[in-house]
Amino acid sequence: MNTNHLTDENIQDIALKNLKEEQLPMHIKECTECKASLKAYQVMMNSMNEIRPESFSFDVSELVMQRIKVAEPESSSVWVYVLASALIIFVTGVLLFFMPVLKPFFELFHSPDSMYNLFVAVTSLCVFAFLMQDVLRQYKQKEKLLLQ
């Protein structure tokens, strides 16, 4: 007799397939333990199939659909773009005005080209600005949820 029994997963797969006696693997035909496990799983699955779904006196889908809020597209205000453009122009102006003061800072990068340093600074400021915009957007969403 083979002492390497089938795993529960294998036996469950066989039980789900509802195989006939001649289609069963040889091990199950010979092993009484695996055959008993298979019968137990078949009984359990048959009783689970006999369970009728619960019927409600109300329409569950209608109740759920009422609770789902339709996402309204946010009206993007022109002022957001105007403010972002003004901020970019202001930051660029400040950087250009204070370039002589910031020169030692830019030399830390050891770059012979000051345009590279300007590119790094403007890029980092733009990333910071977009992150702050996202934080503000999330704050407004949470505030809207709290006020409902």
N, C-alpha and C. Protein backbone atom coordinates (compact mmCIF):
# COMPACT_ATOMS: atom_id res chain seq x y z
N MET A 1 0.84 -1.18 0.00
CA MET A 1 0.00 0.00 0.00
C MET A 1 0.88 1.24 0.00
N ASN A 2 0.46 2.25 -0.71
CA ASN A 2 1.21 3.50 -0.82
C ASN A 2 0.96 4.33 0.44
N THR A 3 2.05 4.79 1.10
CA THR A 3 1.90 5.59 2.32
C THR A 3 1.90 7.09 2.03
N ASN A 4 2.13 7.48 0.81
CA ASN A 4 2.11 8.89 0.43
C ASN A 4 0.68 9.27 0.06
N HIS A 5 -0.02 9.83 1.04
CA HIS A 5 -1.42 10.18 0.82
C HIS A 5 -1.54 11.46 0.01
N LEU A 6 -2.68 11.58 -0.64
CA LEU A 6 -2.97 12.81 -1.38
C LEU A 6 -3.22 13.94 -0.40
N THR A 7 -2.89 15.16 -0.83
CA THR A 7 -3.16 16.31 0.01
C THR A 7 -4.65 16.62 0.01
N ASP A 8 -5.10 17.38 1.01
CA ASP A 8 -6.51 17.77 1.05
C ASP A 8 -6.91 18.55 -0.19
N GLU A 9 -6.00 19.38 -0.69
CA GLU A 9 -6.31 20.15 -1.90
C GLU A 9 -6.55 19.24 -3.08
N ASN A 10 -5.74 18.18 -3.23
CA ASN A 10 -5.94 17.24 -4.33
C ASN A 10 -7.27 16.51 -4.18
N ILE A 11 -7.58 16.10 -2.96
CA ILE A 11 -8.84 15.39 -2.72
C ILE A 11 -10.02 16.31 -2.99
N GLN A 12 -9.91 17.58 -2.59
CA GLN A 12 -10.99 18.54 -2.85
C GLN A 12 -11.17 18.76 -4.35
N ASP A 13 -10.06 18.83 -5.09
CA ASP A 13 -10.17 18.97 -6.55
C ASP A 13 -10.90 17.78 -7.16
N ILE A 14 -10.58 16.59 -6.68
CA ILE A 14 -11.24 15.39 -7.19
C ILE A 14 -12.72 15.42 -6.83
N ALA A 15 -13.04 15.86 -5.61
CA ALA A 15 -14.44 15.92 -5.18
C ALA A 15 -15.23 16.94 -6.00
N LEU A 16 -14.59 18.05 -6.36
CA LEU A 16 -15.29 19.08 -7.15
C LEU A 16 -15.57 18.61 -8.57
N LYS A 17 -14.74 17.73 -9.07
CA LYS A 17 -14.90 17.27 -10.46
C LYS A 17 -16.01 16.23 -10.59
N ASN A 18 -16.48 15.66 -9.48
CA ASN A 18 -17.53 14.63 -9.49
C ASN A 18 -17.19 13.50 -10.46
N LEU A 19 -16.01 12.94 -10.28
CA LEU A 19 -15.56 11.85 -11.15
C LEU A 19 -16.29 10.55 -10.80
N LYS A 20 -16.45 9.71 -11.80
CA LYS A 20 -17.04 8.40 -11.58
C LYS A 20 -15.98 7.48 -10.98
N GLU A 21 -16.43 6.35 -10.47
CA GLU A 21 -15.53 5.41 -9.76
C GLU A 21 -14.34 4.98 -10.63
N GLU A 22 -14.58 4.73 -11.91
CA GLU A 22 -13.49 4.26 -12.78
C GLU A 22 -12.52 5.39 -13.17
N GLN A 23 -12.94 6.64 -12.98
CA GLN A 23 -12.08 7.77 -13.33
C GLN A 23 -11.21 8.23 -12.16
N LEU A 24 -11.42 7.70 -10.97
CA LEU A 24 -10.65 8.12 -9.81
C LEU A 24 -9.20 7.67 -9.93
N PRO A 25 -8.28 8.45 -9.34
CA PRO A 25 -6.87 8.03 -9.35
C PRO A 25 -6.71 6.70 -8.61
N MET A 26 -5.69 5.97 -8.97
CA MET A 26 -5.45 4.64 -8.42
C MET A 26 -5.26 4.69 -6.90
N HIS A 27 -4.62 5.73 -6.41
CA HIS A 27 -4.36 5.82 -4.97
C HIS A 27 -5.66 5.86 -4.17
N ILE A 28 -6.63 6.60 -4.65
CA ILE A 28 -7.90 6.70 -3.92
C ILE A 28 -8.65 5.38 -3.96
N LYS A 29 -8.52 4.65 -5.04
CA LYS A 29 -9.18 3.35 -5.13
C LYS A 29 -8.60 2.37 -4.12
N GLU A 30 -7.31 2.51 -3.82
CA GLU A 30 -6.64 1.56 -2.93
C GLU A 30 -6.58 2.03 -1.48
N CYS A 31 -6.48 3.34 -1.24
CA CYS A 31 -6.26 3.87 0.11
C CYS A 31 -7.59 4.17 0.79
N THR A 32 -7.82 3.54 1.93
CA THR A 32 -9.08 3.74 2.64
C THR A 32 -9.17 5.12 3.28
N GLU A 33 -8.03 5.67 3.74
CA GLU A 33 -8.04 7.01 4.35
C GLU A 33 -8.42 8.08 3.33
N CYS A 34 -7.78 8.03 2.17
CA CYS A 34 -8.07 9.03 1.13
C CYS A 34 -9.48 8.86 0.60
N LYS A 35 -9.94 7.60 0.52
CA LYS A 35 -11.29 7.36 0.04
C LYS A 35 -12.31 7.93 1.04
N ALA A 36 -12.03 7.78 2.34
CA ALA A 36 -12.92 8.32 3.36
C ALA A 36 -12.92 9.85 3.32
N SER A 37 -11.74 10.43 3.12
CA SER A 37 -11.67 11.90 3.01
C SER A 37 -12.46 12.38 1.81
N LEU A 38 -12.34 11.67 0.69
CA LEU A 38 -13.08 12.04 -0.52
C LEU A 38 -14.58 11.97 -0.27
N LYS A 39 -15.04 10.92 0.39
CA LYS A 39 -16.48 10.79 0.67
C LYS A 39 -16.93 11.94 1.59
N ALA A 40 -16.10 12.27 2.58
CA ALA A 40 -16.48 13.36 3.50
C ALA A 40 -16.58 14.69 2.76
N TYR A 41 -15.64 14.95 1.88
CA TYR A 41 -15.69 16.20 1.10
C TYR A 41 -16.89 16.21 0.17
N GLN A 42 -17.21 15.05 -0.43
CA GLN A 42 -18.36 15.00 -1.33
C GLN A 42 -19.66 15.25 -0.57
N VAL A 43 -19.78 14.70 0.64
CA VAL A 43 -20.98 14.92 1.45
C VAL A 43 -21.08 16.39 1.82
N MET A 44 -19.94 16.98 2.24
CA MET A 44 -19.94 18.40 2.62
C MET A 44 -20.32 19.29 1.43
N MET A 45 -19.76 19.01 0.26
CA MET A 45 -20.05 19.84 -0.92
C MET A 45 -21.49 19.67 -1.37
N ASN A 46 -22.01 18.46 -1.27
CA ASN A 46 -23.41 18.24 -1.64
C ASN A 46 -24.35 18.99 -0.70
N SER A 47 -24.03 18.97 0.60
CA SER A 47 -24.89 19.71 1.54
C SER A 47 -24.75 21.22 1.36
N MET A 48 -23.57 21.68 0.97
CA MET A 48 -23.41 23.11 0.70
C MET A 48 -24.21 23.52 -0.53
N ASN A 49 -24.28 22.64 -1.52
CA ASN A 49 -25.04 22.94 -2.74
C ASN A 49 -26.55 22.96 -2.48
N GLU A 50 -26.99 22.29 -1.42
CA GLU A 50 -28.41 22.25 -1.11
C GLU A 50 -28.88 23.49 -0.37
N ILE A 51 -27.96 24.29 0.14
CA ILE A 51 -28.33 25.51 0.87
C ILE A 51 -28.90 26.52 -0.11
N ARG A 52 -30.07 27.02 0.23
CA ARG A 52 -30.71 28.00 -0.65
C ARG A 52 -30.24 29.39 -0.27
N PRO A 53 -30.12 30.26 -1.25
CA PRO A 53 -29.70 31.63 -0.92
C PRO A 53 -30.77 32.34 -0.10
N GLU A 54 -30.32 33.21 0.77
CA GLU A 54 -31.22 33.96 1.64
C GLU A 54 -32.04 34.95 0.80
N SER A 55 -33.32 35.01 1.08
CA SER A 55 -34.16 35.97 0.36
C SER A 55 -34.51 37.11 1.33
N PHE A 56 -34.43 38.31 0.83
CA PHE A 56 -34.71 39.49 1.63
C PHE A 56 -36.07 40.06 1.25
N SER A 57 -36.69 40.74 2.20
CA SER A 57 -37.98 41.36 1.93
C SER A 57 -37.81 42.72 1.26
N PHE A 58 -36.58 43.08 0.99
CA PHE A 58 -36.29 44.37 0.34
C PHE A 58 -35.23 44.13 -0.74
N ASP A 59 -35.09 45.10 -1.62
CA ASP A 59 -34.15 44.99 -2.72
C ASP A 59 -32.78 45.49 -2.26
N VAL A 60 -31.86 44.54 -2.06
CA VAL A 60 -30.54 44.90 -1.56
C VAL A 60 -29.79 45.76 -2.57
N SER A 61 -29.87 45.41 -3.82
CA SER A 61 -29.14 46.16 -4.84
C SER A 61 -29.61 47.62 -4.90
N GLU A 62 -30.90 47.84 -4.71
CA GLU A 62 -31.42 49.21 -4.73
C GLU A 62 -30.89 50.01 -3.54
N LEU A 63 -30.82 49.38 -2.38
CA LEU A 63 -30.29 50.07 -1.21
C LEU A 63 -28.81 50.41 -1.38
N VAL A 64 -28.08 49.49 -1.95
CA VAL A 64 -26.64 49.74 -2.16
C VAL A 64 -26.46 50.85 -3.19
N MET A 65 -27.22 50.82 -4.25
CA MET A 65 -27.09 51.83 -5.29
C MET A 65 -27.45 53.22 -4.77
N GLN A 66 -28.36 53.31 -3.83
CA GLN A 66 -28.69 54.61 -3.24
C GLN A 66 -27.54 55.15 -2.42
N ARG A 67 -26.77 54.26 -1.81
CA ARG A 67 -25.65 54.69 -0.96
C ARG A 67 -24.43 55.09 -1.77
N ILE A 68 -24.33 54.59 -3.00
CA ILE A 68 -23.18 54.92 -3.84
C ILE A 68 -23.38 56.32 -4.40
N LYS A 69 -22.41 57.14 -4.16
CA LYS A 69 -22.50 58.51 -4.65
C LYS A 69 -21.84 58.60 -6.01
N VAL A 70 -22.51 59.26 -6.89
CA VAL A 70 -21.97 59.46 -8.23
C VAL A 70 -20.90 60.54 -8.14
N ALA A 71 -19.74 60.19 -8.64
CA ALA A 71 -18.63 61.15 -8.59
C ALA A 71 -18.89 62.27 -9.58
N GLU A 72 -18.97 63.44 -9.04
CA GLU A 72 -19.17 64.60 -9.90
C GLU A 72 -17.80 65.13 -10.31
N PRO A 73 -17.63 65.42 -11.58
CA PRO A 73 -16.33 65.95 -11.98
C PRO A 73 -16.10 67.31 -11.34
N GLU A 74 -14.91 67.44 -10.76
CA GLU A 74 -14.58 68.71 -10.13
C GLU A 74 -14.35 69.77 -11.20
N SER A 75 -14.98 70.89 -10.99
CA SER A 75 -14.78 71.97 -11.94
C SER A 75 -13.42 72.60 -11.65
N SER A 76 -12.52 72.41 -12.58
CA SER A 76 -11.19 72.99 -12.38
C SER A 76 -11.26 74.49 -12.63
N SER A 77 -10.91 75.18 -11.61
CA SER A 77 -11.02 76.62 -11.66
C SER A 77 -9.83 77.21 -12.43
N VAL A 78 -10.10 78.26 -13.14
CA VAL A 78 -9.05 78.97 -13.88
C VAL A 78 -8.05 79.57 -12.90
N TRP A 79 -8.55 79.88 -11.70
CA TRP A 79 -7.69 80.52 -10.70
C TRP A 79 -6.55 79.61 -10.25
N VAL A 80 -6.78 78.32 -10.27
CA VAL A 80 -5.71 77.39 -9.89
C VAL A 80 -4.56 77.50 -10.88
N TYR A 81 -4.89 77.55 -12.15
CA TYR A 81 -3.84 77.65 -13.17
C TYR A 81 -3.16 79.01 -13.14
N VAL A 82 -3.93 80.06 -12.90
CA VAL A 82 -3.36 81.39 -12.80
C VAL A 82 -2.41 81.46 -11.61
N LEU A 83 -2.83 80.91 -10.48
CA LEU A 83 -1.99 80.91 -9.29
C LEU A 83 -0.72 80.10 -9.51
N ALA A 84 -0.84 78.94 -10.14
CA ALA A 84 0.34 78.11 -10.41
C ALA A 84 1.31 78.83 -11.34
N SER A 85 0.79 79.48 -12.37
CA SER A 85 1.65 80.22 -13.30
C SER A 85 2.33 81.39 -12.59
N ALA A 86 1.58 82.11 -11.77
CA ALA A 86 2.17 83.23 -11.04
C ALA A 86 3.25 82.75 -10.07
N LEU A 87 3.00 81.62 -9.44
CA LEU A 87 3.99 81.07 -8.52
C LEU A 87 5.27 80.67 -9.25
N ILE A 88 5.13 80.07 -10.41
CA ILE A 88 6.31 79.67 -11.20
C ILE A 88 7.09 80.91 -11.64
N ILE A 89 6.37 81.92 -12.10
CA ILE A 89 7.04 83.16 -12.53
C ILE A 89 7.73 83.82 -11.34
N PHE A 90 7.06 83.85 -10.20
CA PHE A 90 7.65 84.45 -9.00
C PHE A 90 8.91 83.71 -8.56
N VAL A 91 8.84 82.39 -8.52
CA VAL A 91 9.99 81.59 -8.09
C VAL A 91 11.15 81.77 -9.06
N THR A 92 10.87 81.78 -10.35
CA THR A 92 11.93 81.98 -11.34
C THR A 92 12.54 83.36 -11.18
N GLY A 93 11.72 84.38 -10.95
CA GLY A 93 12.24 85.74 -10.74
C GLY A 93 13.11 85.83 -9.50
N VAL A 94 12.67 85.21 -8.41
CA VAL A 94 13.46 85.22 -7.18
C VAL A 94 14.78 84.51 -7.39
N LEU A 95 14.74 83.38 -8.09
CA LEU A 95 15.99 82.66 -8.35
C LEU A 95 16.95 83.49 -9.18
N LEU A 96 16.43 84.15 -10.20
CA LEU A 96 17.30 84.97 -11.04
C LEU A 96 17.83 86.18 -10.29
N PHE A 97 17.01 86.77 -9.43
CA PHE A 97 17.43 87.94 -8.68
C PHE A 97 18.50 87.58 -7.64
N PHE A 98 18.31 86.45 -6.98
CA PHE A 98 19.24 86.03 -5.95
C PHE A 98 20.33 85.09 -6.46
N MET A 99 20.51 85.02 -7.77
CA MET A 99 21.52 84.13 -8.34
C MET A 99 22.92 84.41 -7.78
N PRO A 100 23.35 85.68 -7.65
CA PRO A 100 24.69 85.90 -7.09
C PRO A 100 24.81 85.38 -5.65
N VAL A 101 23.75 85.48 -4.88
CA VAL A 101 23.79 85.00 -3.51
C VAL A 101 23.77 83.47 -3.46
N LEU A 102 23.05 82.87 -4.40
CA LEU A 102 22.91 81.42 -4.42
C LEU A 102 24.06 80.71 -5.15
N LYS A 103 24.95 81.49 -5.75
CA LYS A 103 26.05 80.91 -6.51
C LYS A 103 26.88 79.94 -5.67
N PRO A 104 27.27 80.28 -4.43
CA PRO A 104 28.03 79.31 -3.64
C PRO A 104 27.25 78.01 -3.38
N PHE A 105 25.95 78.15 -3.22
CA PHE A 105 25.13 76.95 -3.03
C PHE A 105 25.17 76.06 -4.27
N PHE A 106 25.07 76.68 -5.44
CA PHE A 106 25.09 75.91 -6.67
C PHE A 106 26.46 75.30 -6.95
N GLU A 107 27.50 75.88 -6.42
CA GLU A 107 28.84 75.31 -6.61
C GLU A 107 29.00 74.01 -5.86
N LEU A 108 28.12 73.75 -4.93
CA LEU A 108 28.16 72.47 -4.23
C LEU A 108 27.93 71.31 -5.18
N PHE A 109 27.24 71.56 -6.26
CA PHE A 109 26.96 70.50 -7.23
C PHE A 109 28.17 70.21 -8.12
N HIS A 110 29.17 71.04 -8.07
CA HIS A 110 30.39 70.89 -8.88
C HIS A 110 30.09 70.81 -10.36
N SER A 111 29.16 71.60 -10.77
CA SER A 111 28.80 71.61 -12.19
C SER A 111 29.35 72.88 -12.82
N PRO A 112 30.02 72.76 -13.96
CA PRO A 112 30.54 73.95 -14.62
C PRO A 112 29.43 74.81 -15.23
N ASP A 113 28.27 74.23 -15.44
CA ASP A 113 27.19 74.94 -16.11
C ASP A 113 26.16 75.39 -15.08
N SER A 114 25.91 76.67 -14.98
CA SER A 114 24.93 77.16 -14.01
C SER A 114 23.51 76.84 -14.45
N MET A 115 23.31 76.57 -15.73
CA MET A 115 21.97 76.20 -16.21
C MET A 115 21.56 74.84 -15.61
N TYR A 116 22.53 73.97 -15.42
CA TYR A 116 22.25 72.68 -14.80
C TYR A 116 21.73 72.90 -13.37
N ASN A 117 22.37 73.78 -12.65
CA ASN A 117 21.96 74.08 -11.29
C ASN A 117 20.57 74.71 -11.26
N LEU A 118 20.32 75.62 -12.20
CA LEU A 118 19.01 76.24 -12.28
C LEU A 118 17.95 75.19 -12.59
N PHE A 119 18.28 74.27 -13.48
CA PHE A 119 17.35 73.19 -13.83
C PHE A 119 17.03 72.34 -12.61
N VAL A 120 18.05 72.01 -11.81
CA VAL A 120 17.83 71.20 -10.61
C VAL A 120 16.94 71.96 -9.62
N ALA A 121 17.21 73.22 -9.43
CA ALA A 121 16.43 74.01 -8.47
C ALA A 121 14.99 74.16 -8.92
N VAL A 122 14.78 74.50 -10.19
CA VAL A 122 13.41 74.69 -10.69
C VAL A 122 12.64 73.37 -10.66
N THR A 123 13.32 72.29 -11.01
CA THR A 123 12.66 70.99 -10.98
C THR A 123 12.23 70.62 -9.57
N SER A 124 13.12 70.83 -8.61
CA SER A 124 12.78 70.49 -7.24
C SER A 124 11.63 71.38 -6.73
N LEU A 125 11.63 72.63 -7.10
CA LEU A 125 10.53 73.52 -6.68
C LEU A 125 9.21 73.12 -7.34
N CYS A 126 9.27 72.70 -8.59
CA CYS A 126 8.04 72.26 -9.26
C CYS A 126 7.49 70.99 -8.62
N VAL A 127 8.38 70.06 -8.29
CA VAL A 127 7.93 68.84 -7.62
C VAL A 127 7.30 69.19 -6.28
N PHE A 128 7.93 70.10 -5.55
CA PHE A 128 7.38 70.54 -4.26
C PHE A 128 6.01 71.19 -4.46
N ALA A 129 5.88 72.02 -5.48
CA ALA A 129 4.61 72.70 -5.73
C ALA A 129 3.51 71.69 -6.07
N PHE A 130 3.81 70.70 -6.89
CA PHE A 130 2.80 69.69 -7.24
C PHE A 130 2.44 68.84 -6.03
N LEU A 131 3.41 68.54 -5.17
CA LEU A 131 3.10 67.79 -3.97
C LEU A 131 2.19 68.60 -3.04
N MET A 132 2.46 69.88 -2.93
CA MET A 132 1.62 70.72 -2.09
C MET A 132 0.22 70.84 -2.67
N GLN A 133 0.11 70.89 -3.98
CA GLN A 133 -1.20 70.94 -4.62
C GLN A 133 -1.98 69.66 -4.32
N ASP A 134 -1.30 68.51 -4.35
CA ASP A 134 -1.95 67.25 -4.06
C ASP A 134 -2.38 67.19 -2.60
N VAL A 135 -1.54 67.68 -1.71
CA VAL A 135 -1.91 67.72 -0.29
C VAL A 135 -3.15 68.60 -0.09
N LEU A 136 -3.20 69.73 -0.76
CA LEU A 136 -4.36 70.62 -0.67
C LEU A 136 -5.61 69.94 -1.21
N ARG A 137 -5.48 69.24 -2.32
CA ARG A 137 -6.63 68.53 -2.91
C ARG A 137 -7.15 67.47 -1.95
N GLN A 138 -6.25 66.69 -1.36
CA GLN A 138 -6.67 65.67 -0.41
C GLN A 138 -7.32 66.30 0.82
N TYR A 139 -6.79 67.41 1.26
CA TYR A 139 -7.36 68.11 2.41
C TYR A 139 -8.79 68.55 2.10
N LYS A 140 -9.01 69.09 0.90
CA LYS A 140 -10.35 69.54 0.53
C LYS A 140 -11.33 68.37 0.44
N GLN A 141 -10.86 67.23 -0.07
CA GLN A 141 -11.72 66.05 -0.14
C GLN A 141 -12.12 65.57 1.25
N LYS A 142 -11.15 65.53 2.15
CA LYS A 142 -11.46 65.09 3.51
C LYS A 142 -12.37 66.08 4.22
N GLU A 143 -12.15 67.35 3.97
CA GLU A 143 -13.00 68.38 4.57
C GLU A 143 -14.43 68.24 4.06
N LYS A 144 -14.57 67.96 2.76
CA LYS A 144 -15.91 67.80 2.18
C LYS A 144 -16.61 66.60 2.80
N LEU A 145 -15.86 65.51 3.04
CA LEU A 145 -16.46 64.33 3.67
C LEU A 145 -16.90 64.62 5.10
N LEU A 146 -16.11 65.40 5.80
CA LEU A 146 -16.46 65.73 7.19
C LEU A 146 -17.68 66.63 7.28
N LEU A 147 -17.87 67.49 6.31
CA LEU A 147 -18.96 68.46 6.36
C LEU A 147 -20.28 67.89 5.86
N GLN A 148 -20.26 66.68 5.36
CA GLN A 148 -21.51 66.09 4.84
C GLN A 148 -22.36 65.57 5.96
